[in-house]
Amino acid sequence: MVDPDDVKRAITRKTILVSVMHANNEVGTIEPITEISRIAREAGVYFHTDAVQTVGHIPVNVDELGVDLLSISAHKLYGPKGVGALYIRKGIRLTSLMHGGEQERRRRAGTENVPGIVGFGKAAELVRQEIDEEAKRLTKLRDQLIQGILDRIDHTRLNGHPVKRLPGNVNVSIGFVEGESVLLNLDLEGILASTGSACSSSSLEPSHVLLAMGLPHEQAHGSLRFTLGKWTTVEEINRVLEVLPRIVTKLRAISPSFKIVNAKDKRKENVRHLETV
């Protein structure tokens, strides 16, 4: 989670804009945007938040957040891909994104994607009708999956804030396995997951988010992200909890590092047993 005091210390007389994600796309942590926006406002700096992960999943109000700029993408709330929106607080002047025609009040020249815009509007209308109930449903499934993984698989940790996180985000690091190997085995079982963000799906490097959070490379390499959504069911959560431990056990059986740790654990257990006797 971003520390507002770190933001405050980072602002200088040359700072013109602060931009912080409303919620992290990999670990699901919801950031203290209201506090950060207050700091930016006191410093006379514009504040932008990327709310792509939150709009349509948790309540978002630009006045309550205190932001000057807020960006949204339609596909994250089940709308069409290729269309988004930028909220601009009244009184803020921006240079043109594209030059040419006079469309969009000289902010963006070019022909508007009317079908995409209409689809975006309809998706927003539909998601608004069920956002509260859906958030409660997903939070329950999320917590069931998190607790189930932590209970069933040892040497496992939750990444991201335990409570202030997106309703549909589960990110865990599983020790002594490669995330890519787990993914391939899950895929064979018909279960889709990822080891990081979709933006970096072609990279085999560990998540820069997890590394920035202080996780060692081996833990970051063993990370998995599950994204729950509108059609996720209790039965699917139970299936993951049935399949994932079996996969991890199989992969650890051929992991040299796990064999070493396992041997050490057994020696410690034997010592404890002798001391007890």
Protein backbone atom coordinates (compact mmCIF):
# COMPACT_ATOMS: atom_id res chain seq x y z
CA MET A 1 0.00 0.00 0.00
CA VAL A 2 1.27 3.46 -0.92
CA ASP A 3 2.16 5.51 2.17
CA PRO A 4 0.68 9.03 1.83
CA ASP A 5 3.67 10.40 3.75
CA ASP A 6 5.99 8.99 1.05
CA VAL A 7 3.98 10.89 -1.56
CA LYS A 8 4.20 14.06 0.50
CA ARG A 9 7.99 13.74 0.76
CA ALA A 10 8.30 13.05 -2.98
CA ILE A 11 6.53 16.28 -4.03
CA THR A 12 8.87 19.14 -4.92
CA ARG A 13 8.41 22.64 -6.36
CA LYS A 14 8.80 21.09 -9.83
CA THR A 15 6.00 18.54 -9.34
CA ILE A 16 2.97 19.22 -11.56
CA LEU A 17 1.11 15.90 -11.33
CA VAL A 18 0.73 12.98 -8.92
CA SER A 19 -0.72 9.73 -10.31
CA VAL A 20 -1.56 6.70 -8.16
CA MET A 21 -3.64 3.64 -9.09
CA HIS A 22 -6.92 3.40 -7.19
CA ALA A 23 -6.27 -0.34 -6.81
CA ASN A 24 -3.27 -2.38 -7.89
CA ASN A 25 -4.01 -4.71 -10.78
CA GLU A 26 -1.74 -7.51 -9.53
CA VAL A 27 -2.09 -7.71 -5.76
CA GLY A 28 -5.50 -6.01 -5.48
CA THR A 29 -4.60 -3.48 -2.78
CA ILE A 30 -6.96 -0.48 -2.66
CA GLU A 31 -4.89 2.66 -2.16
CA PRO A 32 -5.68 5.58 0.23
CA ILE A 33 -6.60 7.91 -2.64
CA THR A 34 -8.58 10.41 -0.54
CA GLU A 35 -5.59 11.04 1.75
CA ILE A 36 -3.17 11.34 -1.16
CA SER A 37 -5.47 13.72 -3.07
CA ARG A 38 -5.61 15.97 0.01
CA ILE A 39 -1.80 16.10 0.08
CA ALA A 40 -1.64 16.93 -3.63
CA ARG A 41 -4.26 19.65 -3.28
CA GLU A 42 -2.43 21.28 -0.37
CA ALA A 43 0.73 21.28 -2.50
CA GLY A 44 -1.12 22.83 -5.47
CA VAL A 45 -0.48 19.75 -7.62
CA TYR A 46 -2.96 18.03 -9.94
CA PHE A 47 -3.92 14.49 -8.92
CA HIS A 48 -4.86 11.63 -11.25
CA THR A 49 -5.95 8.11 -10.36
CA ASP A 50 -6.17 5.08 -12.63
CA ALA A 51 -9.51 3.58 -11.57
CA VAL A 52 -9.61 0.90 -14.26
CA GLN A 53 -9.59 -1.87 -11.64
CA THR A 54 -12.18 -0.34 -9.31
CA VAL A 55 -14.98 1.28 -11.35
CA GLY A 56 -17.76 -1.28 -11.62
CA HIS A 57 -16.41 -3.37 -8.73
CA ILE A 58 -16.48 -1.02 -5.74
CA PRO A 59 -18.22 2.36 -5.29
CA VAL A 60 -16.21 5.19 -6.87
CA ASN A 61 -17.11 8.86 -6.38
CA VAL A 62 -14.76 11.53 -7.77
CA ASP A 63 -15.85 14.11 -5.19
CA GLU A 64 -15.27 11.76 -2.27
CA LEU A 65 -11.89 10.76 -3.67
CA GLY A 66 -11.00 14.39 -4.35
CA VAL A 67 -9.30 13.63 -7.67
CA ASP A 68 -8.77 16.01 -10.58
CA LEU A 69 -8.49 13.29 -13.22
CA LEU A 70 -9.73 9.70 -13.26
CA SER A 71 -9.41 7.10 -16.02
CA ILE A 72 -11.68 4.12 -16.71
CA SER A 73 -11.71 1.24 -19.21
CA ALA A 74 -14.92 -0.39 -20.44
CA HIS A 75 -13.67 -3.97 -20.69
CA LYS A 76 -13.01 -4.15 -16.94
CA LEU A 77 -16.73 -3.83 -16.25
CA TYR A 78 -17.82 -6.25 -19.00
CA GLY A 79 -18.13 -3.58 -21.69
CA PRO A 80 -16.48 -3.67 -25.15
CA LYS A 81 -12.70 -3.56 -25.50
CA GLY A 82 -11.01 -0.54 -27.03
CA VAL A 83 -12.99 2.21 -25.33
CA GLY A 84 -12.48 4.13 -22.10
CA ALA A 85 -13.17 7.44 -20.43
CA LEU A 86 -11.25 10.20 -18.69
CA TYR A 87 -12.96 12.27 -16.00
CA ILE A 88 -11.61 15.83 -15.95
CA ARG A 89 -12.57 18.12 -13.09
CA LYS A 90 -14.10 21.38 -14.29
CA GLY A 91 -11.54 24.12 -14.73
CA ILE A 92 -8.61 21.86 -15.64
CA ARG A 93 -7.11 22.52 -19.07
CA LEU A 94 -5.29 19.79 -20.95
CA THR A 95 -3.26 19.86 -24.14
CA SER A 96 -4.65 17.86 -27.06
CA LEU A 97 -4.01 14.13 -27.15
CA MET A 98 -4.37 14.17 -30.95
CA HIS A 99 -4.28 17.19 -33.23
CA GLY A 100 -6.54 17.72 -36.23
CA GLY A 101 -10.32 18.12 -36.04
CA GLU A 102 -12.30 19.94 -33.38
CA GLN A 103 -13.87 16.82 -31.87
CA GLU A 104 -14.04 16.32 -28.12
CA ARG A 105 -13.58 20.05 -27.43
CA ARG A 106 -10.18 19.97 -29.15
CA ARG A 107 -8.92 17.31 -26.76
CA ARG A 108 -8.88 14.39 -29.17
CA ALA A 109 -9.25 14.62 -32.92
CA GLY A 110 -10.63 11.68 -34.91
CA THR A 111 -13.90 9.84 -35.37
CA GLU A 112 -15.54 8.66 -32.16
CA ASN A 113 -16.12 4.95 -31.61
CA VAL A 114 -19.88 5.33 -31.23
CA PRO A 115 -20.74 1.60 -30.82
CA GLY A 116 -17.99 1.27 -28.21
CA ILE A 117 -19.17 4.36 -26.33
CA VAL A 118 -22.79 3.16 -26.29
CA GLY A 119 -21.68 -0.31 -25.15
CA PHE A 120 -19.58 1.28 -22.41
CA GLY A 121 -22.56 3.31 -21.21
CA LYS A 122 -24.84 0.27 -21.16
CA ALA A 123 -22.25 -1.80 -19.27
CA ALA A 124 -21.92 0.97 -16.67
CA GLU A 125 -25.69 1.13 -16.31
CA LEU A 126 -26.00 -2.63 -15.77
CA VAL A 127 -23.09 -2.94 -13.36
CA ARG A 128 -24.40 -0.07 -11.23
CA GLN A 129 -27.61 -2.01 -10.56
CA GLU A 130 -25.79 -4.92 -8.89
CA ILE A 131 -22.44 -3.55 -7.71
CA ASP A 132 -23.11 -3.83 -3.95
CA GLU A 133 -24.46 -7.38 -4.01
CA GLU A 134 -21.81 -8.55 -6.46
CA ALA A 135 -19.01 -7.08 -4.33
CA LYS A 136 -20.32 -8.97 -1.27
CA ARG A 137 -20.60 -12.23 -3.24
CA LEU A 138 -17.09 -11.96 -4.69
CA THR A 139 -15.56 -10.95 -1.37
CA LYS A 140 -16.97 -14.11 0.21
CA LEU A 141 -15.60 -16.30 -2.60
CA ARG A 142 -12.26 -14.45 -2.51
CA ASP A 143 -11.82 -15.02 1.21
CA GLN A 144 -12.79 -18.68 0.84
CA LEU A 145 -10.14 -19.16 -1.84
CA ILE A 146 -7.44 -17.29 0.09
CA GLN A 147 -8.04 -19.15 3.34
CA GLY A 148 -8.34 -22.46 1.54
CA ILE A 149 -4.97 -22.03 -0.18
CA LEU A 150 -3.22 -20.90 3.01
CA ASP A 151 -4.72 -23.80 4.99
CA ARG A 152 -4.02 -26.52 2.41
CA ILE A 153 -0.57 -25.53 1.12
CA ASP A 154 2.34 -24.80 3.45
CA HIS A 155 5.08 -22.24 2.66
CA THR A 156 2.40 -19.98 1.14
CA ARG A 157 1.74 -16.27 1.70
CA LEU A 158 -0.94 -13.79 0.64
CA ASN A 159 0.28 -10.80 -1.36
CA GLY A 160 -1.47 -7.47 -1.00
CA HIS A 161 -3.59 -6.02 1.79
CA PRO A 162 -5.62 -8.71 3.62
CA VAL A 163 -8.76 -6.55 3.87
CA LYS A 164 -8.43 -3.41 1.73
CA ARG A 165 -8.28 -5.28 -1.54
CA LEU A 166 -10.44 -5.77 -4.63
CA PRO A 167 -13.38 -8.18 -4.12
CA GLY A 168 -12.23 -10.44 -6.96
CA ASN A 169 -8.45 -10.47 -6.49
CA VAL A 170 -6.41 -13.33 -5.01
CA ASN A 171 -2.61 -13.15 -5.25
CA VAL A 172 -0.47 -15.71 -3.43
CA SER A 173 3.17 -16.78 -3.45
CA ILE A 174 3.75 -20.52 -3.18
CA GLY A 175 7.21 -21.50 -2.06
CA PHE A 176 9.47 -24.01 -3.89
CA VAL A 177 7.51 -24.02 -7.17
CA GLU A 178 7.69 -21.97 -10.37
CA GLY A 179 4.54 -20.00 -11.09
CA GLU A 180 4.71 -20.84 -14.80
CA SER A 181 4.80 -24.58 -14.03
CA VAL A 182 1.76 -24.25 -11.80
CA LEU A 183 -0.05 -22.28 -14.52
CA LEU A 184 0.58 -24.96 -17.15
CA ASN A 185 -0.75 -27.66 -14.85
CA LEU A 186 -3.80 -25.57 -13.92
CA ASP A 187 -4.47 -24.98 -17.61
CA LEU A 188 -4.51 -28.74 -18.22
CA GLU A 189 -7.23 -28.91 -15.55
CA GLY A 190 -9.24 -26.14 -17.25
CA ILE A 191 -8.39 -23.52 -14.62
CA LEU A 192 -7.14 -20.12 -15.80
CA ALA A 193 -4.85 -17.95 -13.71
CA SER A 194 -1.78 -15.74 -14.21
CA THR A 195 1.56 -15.00 -12.59
CA GLY A 196 1.25 -11.23 -12.93
CA SER A 197 -0.64 -8.62 -14.92
CA ALA A 198 -2.01 -9.16 -18.42
CA CYS A 199 0.25 -6.29 -19.52
CA SER A 200 3.34 -8.42 -18.82
CA SER A 201 1.97 -11.84 -19.81
CA SER A 202 4.71 -12.34 -22.45
CA SER A 203 7.50 -11.81 -19.90
CA LEU A 204 9.05 -14.56 -17.79
CA GLU A 205 10.50 -12.01 -15.37
CA PRO A 206 9.03 -11.98 -11.85
CA SER A 207 6.42 -9.34 -11.09
CA HIS A 208 7.97 -5.90 -10.59
CA VAL A 209 5.15 -5.18 -8.15
CA LEU A 210 6.11 -8.06 -5.87
CA LEU A 211 9.80 -7.20 -6.11
CA ALA A 212 9.02 -3.58 -5.17
CA MET A 213 7.08 -4.91 -2.17
CA GLY A 214 10.29 -6.58 -1.00
CA LEU A 215 9.64 -10.21 -1.95
CA PRO A 216 12.76 -12.17 -2.93
CA HIS A 217 12.97 -13.37 -6.55
CA GLU A 218 12.15 -16.98 -5.70
CA GLN A 219 8.90 -16.00 -3.95
CA ALA A 220 7.94 -13.59 -6.72
CA HIS A 221 8.56 -16.35 -9.29
CA GLY A 222 6.16 -18.59 -7.37
CA SER A 223 3.29 -16.12 -7.40
CA LEU A 224 -0.20 -16.79 -8.76
CA ARG A 225 -3.05 -14.39 -9.41
CA PHE A 226 -6.66 -15.57 -9.58
CA THR A 227 -9.28 -13.09 -10.78
CA LEU A 228 -12.86 -13.80 -9.75
CA GLY A 229 -15.72 -12.31 -11.72
CA LYS A 230 -19.40 -12.22 -12.51
CA TRP A 231 -19.60 -15.88 -13.51
CA THR A 232 -17.33 -17.36 -10.83
CA THR A 233 -19.14 -19.97 -8.71
CA VAL A 234 -18.60 -21.68 -5.34
CA GLU A 235 -18.10 -24.96 -7.22
CA GLU A 236 -15.23 -23.43 -9.19
CA ILE A 237 -13.55 -22.18 -6.01
CA ASN A 238 -13.85 -25.66 -4.50
CA ARG A 239 -12.34 -27.19 -7.63
CA VAL A 240 -9.30 -24.88 -7.42
CA LEU A 241 -8.85 -25.86 -3.78
CA GLU A 242 -9.01 -29.52 -4.79
CA VAL A 243 -6.64 -29.28 -7.78
CA LEU A 244 -4.02 -26.69 -6.71
CA PRO A 245 -2.63 -28.54 -3.65
CA ARG A 246 -2.25 -31.69 -5.75
CA ILE A 247 -0.31 -29.79 -8.42
CA VAL A 248 1.97 -28.12 -5.87
CA THR A 249 2.69 -31.48 -4.20
CA LYS A 250 3.61 -33.00 -7.57
CA LEU A 251 5.92 -30.11 -8.51
CA ARG A 252 7.58 -29.99 -5.10
CA ALA A 253 8.35 -33.70 -5.36
CA ILE A 254 10.86 -32.86 -8.12
CA SER A 255 12.07 -29.60 -6.56
CA PRO A 256 15.65 -29.88 -5.17
CA SER A 257 15.20 -26.80 -2.95
CA PHE A 258 12.03 -28.23 -1.40
CA LYS A 259 13.74 -31.54 -0.69
CA ILE A 260 16.47 -29.69 1.23
CA VAL A 261 13.95 -27.68 3.27
CA ASN A 262 11.86 -30.79 3.87
CA ALA A 263 14.92 -32.65 5.17
CA LYS A 264 15.74 -29.75 7.51
CA ASP A 265 12.16 -29.70 8.80
CA LYS A 266 12.31 -33.44 9.51
CA ARG A 267 15.59 -33.06 11.40
CA LYS A 268 14.07 -30.28 13.52
CA GLU A 269 11.04 -32.46 14.21
CA ASN A 270 13.29 -35.35 15.28
CA VAL A 271 15.22 -33.03 17.62
CA ARG A 272 11.99 -31.79 19.19
CA HIS A 273 10.85 -35.38 19.61
CA LEU A 274 14.11 -36.40 21.35
CA GLU A 275 13.94 -33.38 23.65
CA THR A 276 10.40 -34.32 24.59
CA VAL A 277 11.40 -37.92 25.30
